[in-house]
């Protein structure tokens, strides 16, 4: 039981650290940036003012979707890296 509690504590600590880390997704050569935390919360969206001046809403929407998806992939990868070993161990115990 002590092992299980230790692993749960490690998982909680890793999740807290993950929530503090950030990843950035970009599109349009960096004209659009989306920043997510490791626990996949959006904390920032940056749009190059020159892109807004073009007035092409459809292109901006496409770039936002692309940047968000890029950031989401990076956040998921980071989560797998940080939590993978712990969840794999818990899975081996039949808990995940």
C-alpha atoms as a PDB file:
ATOM      1  CA  UNK A   1       0.000   0.000   0.000  1.00  0.00           C
ATOM      2  CA  UNK A   2       2.899   2.355   0.732  1.00  0.00           C
ATOM      3  CA  UNK A   3       4.143   1.863  -2.825  1.00  0.00           C
ATOM      4  CA  UNK A   4       0.761   2.867  -4.193  1.00  0.00           C
ATOM      5  CA  UNK A   5       0.684   6.016  -2.049  1.00  0.00           C
ATOM      6  CA  UNK A   6       4.205   6.909  -3.158  1.00  0.00           C
ATOM      7  CA  UNK A   7       3.278   6.467  -6.806  1.00  0.00           C
ATOM      8  CA  UNK A   8       0.124   8.568  -6.328  1.00  0.00           C
ATOM      9  CA  UNK A   9       2.234  11.319  -4.773  1.00  0.00           C
ATOM     10  CA  UNK A  10       4.684  11.157  -7.685  1.00  0.00           C
ATOM     11  CA  UNK A  11       1.787  11.409 -10.127  1.00  0.00           C
ATOM     12  CA  UNK A  12       0.324  14.423  -8.307  1.00  0.00           C
ATOM     13  CA  UNK A  13       3.698  16.177  -8.234  1.00  0.00           C
ATOM     14  CA  UNK A  14       4.304  15.472 -11.916  1.00  0.00           C
ATOM     15  CA  UNK A  15       0.847  16.813 -12.798  1.00  0.00           C
ATOM     16  CA  UNK A  16       1.503  20.005 -10.822  1.00  0.00           C
ATOM     17  CA  UNK A  17       4.826  20.553 -12.584  1.00  0.00           C
ATOM     18  CA  UNK A  18       3.202  19.823 -15.924  1.00  0.00           C
ATOM     19  CA  UNK A  19       0.597  22.519 -15.272  1.00  0.00           C
ATOM     20  CA  UNK A  20       3.439  25.032 -14.846  1.00  0.00           C
ATOM     21  CA  UNK A  21       5.192  24.159 -18.107  1.00  0.00           C
ATOM     22  CA  UNK A  22       4.229  25.823 -21.370  1.00  0.00           C
ATOM     23  CA  UNK A  23       4.414  24.865 -25.022  1.00  0.00           C
ATOM     24  CA  UNK A  24       3.890  27.068 -28.061  1.00  0.00           C
ATOM     25  CA  UNK A  25       2.236  26.184 -31.333  1.00  0.00           C
ATOM     26  CA  UNK A  26       2.785  28.385 -34.356  1.00  0.00           C
ATOM     27  CA  UNK A  27       1.357  28.845 -37.817  1.00  0.00           C
ATOM     28  CA  UNK A  28       1.912  31.173 -40.723  1.00  0.00           C
ATOM     29  CA  UNK A  29       5.641  31.326 -40.164  1.00  0.00           C
ATOM     30  CA  UNK A  30       5.133  32.498 -36.589  1.00  0.00           C
ATOM     31  CA  UNK A  31       2.441  35.060 -37.418  1.00  0.00           C
ATOM     32  CA  UNK A  32       0.059  33.216 -35.081  1.00  0.00           C
ATOM     33  CA  UNK A  33       1.157  31.677 -31.786  1.00  0.00           C
ATOM     34  CA  UNK A  34      -0.879  29.735 -29.253  1.00  0.00           C
ATOM     35  CA  UNK A  35       0.558  28.962 -25.820  1.00  0.00           C
ATOM     36  CA  UNK A  36      -0.786  26.047 -23.780  1.00  0.00           C
ATOM     37  CA  UNK A  37       0.237  24.667 -20.426  1.00  0.00           C
ATOM     38  CA  UNK A  38       1.304  21.075 -20.073  1.00  0.00           C
ATOM     39  CA  UNK A  39      -2.169  20.282 -18.770  1.00  0.00           C
ATOM     40  CA  UNK A  40      -3.608  21.739 -21.987  1.00  0.00           C
ATOM     41  CA  UNK A  41      -4.988  25.056 -20.796  1.00  0.00           C
ATOM     42  CA  UNK A  42      -4.690  27.938 -23.244  1.00  0.00           C
ATOM     43  CA  UNK A  43      -2.798  30.844 -21.661  1.00  0.00           C
ATOM     44  CA  UNK A  44      -2.035  33.078 -24.641  1.00  0.00           C
ATOM     45  CA  UNK A  45      -2.784  33.754 -28.270  1.00  0.00           C
ATOM     46  CA  UNK A  46      -0.549  36.107 -30.240  1.00  0.00           C
ATOM     47  CA  UNK A  47      -1.392  37.433 -33.692  1.00  0.00           C
ATOM     48  CA  UNK A  48       1.013  39.506 -35.753  1.00  0.00           C
ATOM     49  CA  UNK A  49      -0.651  42.915 -36.327  1.00  0.00           C
ATOM     50  CA  UNK A  50       0.343  42.787 -40.002  1.00  0.00           C
ATOM     51  CA  UNK A  51      -1.820  39.697 -40.361  1.00  0.00           C
ATOM     52  CA  UNK A  52      -4.795  41.582 -38.957  1.00  0.00           C
ATOM     53  CA  UNK A  53      -4.214  44.421 -41.394  1.00  0.00           C
ATOM     54  CA  UNK A  54      -4.713  42.012 -44.284  1.00  0.00           C
ATOM     55  CA  UNK A  55      -8.339  41.576 -43.225  1.00  0.00           C
ATOM     56  CA  UNK A  56      -8.590  37.951 -44.349  1.00  0.00           C
ATOM     57  CA  UNK A  57     -10.714  36.444 -41.566  1.00  0.00           C
ATOM     58  CA  UNK A  58     -10.826  32.977 -43.105  1.00  0.00           C
ATOM     59  CA  UNK A  59      -7.039  32.765 -43.326  1.00  0.00           C
ATOM     60  CA  UNK A  60      -6.711  33.969 -39.733  1.00  0.00           C
ATOM     61  CA  UNK A  61      -9.194  31.339 -38.569  1.00  0.00           C
ATOM     62  CA  UNK A  62      -7.266  28.616 -40.390  1.00  0.00           C
ATOM     63  CA  UNK A  63      -3.986  29.793 -38.873  1.00  0.00           C
ATOM     64  CA  UNK A  64      -5.486  29.874 -35.378  1.00  0.00           C
ATOM     65  CA  UNK A  65      -6.780  26.323 -35.739  1.00  0.00           C
ATOM     66  CA  UNK A  66      -3.422  25.163 -37.059  1.00  0.00           C
ATOM     67  CA  UNK A  67      -1.449  26.882 -34.281  1.00  0.00           C
ATOM     68  CA  UNK A  68      -3.794  25.539 -31.608  1.00  0.00           C
ATOM     69  CA  UNK A  69      -3.538  21.987 -32.945  1.00  0.00           C
ATOM     70  CA  UNK A  70       0.249  22.333 -33.103  1.00  0.00           C
ATOM     71  CA  UNK A  71       0.342  23.465 -29.472  1.00  0.00           C
ATOM     72  CA  UNK A  72      -2.059  20.704 -28.439  1.00  0.00           C
ATOM     73  CA  UNK A  73       0.188  18.048 -29.990  1.00  0.00           C
ATOM     74  CA  UNK A  74       3.192  19.506 -28.180  1.00  0.00           C
ATOM     75  CA  UNK A  75       1.280  19.586 -24.894  1.00  0.00           C
ATOM     76  CA  UNK A  76       0.160  15.978 -25.289  1.00  0.00           C
ATOM     77  CA  UNK A  77       3.713  14.897 -26.085  1.00  0.00           C
ATOM     78  CA  UNK A  78       5.021  16.740 -23.030  1.00  0.00           C
ATOM     79  CA  UNK A  79       2.364  15.087 -20.874  1.00  0.00           C
ATOM     80  CA  UNK A  80       3.316  11.641 -22.172  1.00  0.00           C
ATOM     81  CA  UNK A  81       6.983  12.349 -21.449  1.00  0.00           C
ATOM     82  CA  UNK A  82       6.327  13.584 -17.917  1.00  0.00           C
ATOM     83  CA  UNK A  83       3.613  11.141 -16.863  1.00  0.00           C
ATOM     84  CA  UNK A  84       4.274   8.098 -19.030  1.00  0.00           C
ATOM     85  CA  UNK A  85       6.494   6.193 -16.633  1.00  0.00           C
ATOM     86  CA  UNK A  86       4.246   6.799 -13.657  1.00  0.00           C
ATOM     87  CA  UNK A  87       1.003   5.879 -15.388  1.00  0.00           C
ATOM     88  CA  UNK A  88       2.678   2.850 -16.939  1.00  0.00           C
ATOM     89  CA  UNK A  89       3.690   1.659 -13.470  1.00  0.00           C
ATOM     90  CA  UNK A  90       0.152   2.195 -12.176  1.00  0.00           C
ATOM     91  CA  UNK A  91      -1.197   0.370 -15.201  1.00  0.00           C
ATOM     92  CA  UNK A  92       0.989  -2.583 -14.344  1.00  0.00           C
ATOM     93  CA  UNK A  93      -0.748  -2.687 -10.987  1.00  0.00           C
ATOM     94  CA  UNK A  94      -4.128  -2.726 -12.727  1.00  0.00           C
ATOM     95  CA  UNK A  95      -4.972   0.841 -11.706  1.00  0.00           C
ATOM     96  CA  UNK A  96      -5.017   2.521 -15.146  1.00  0.00           C
END
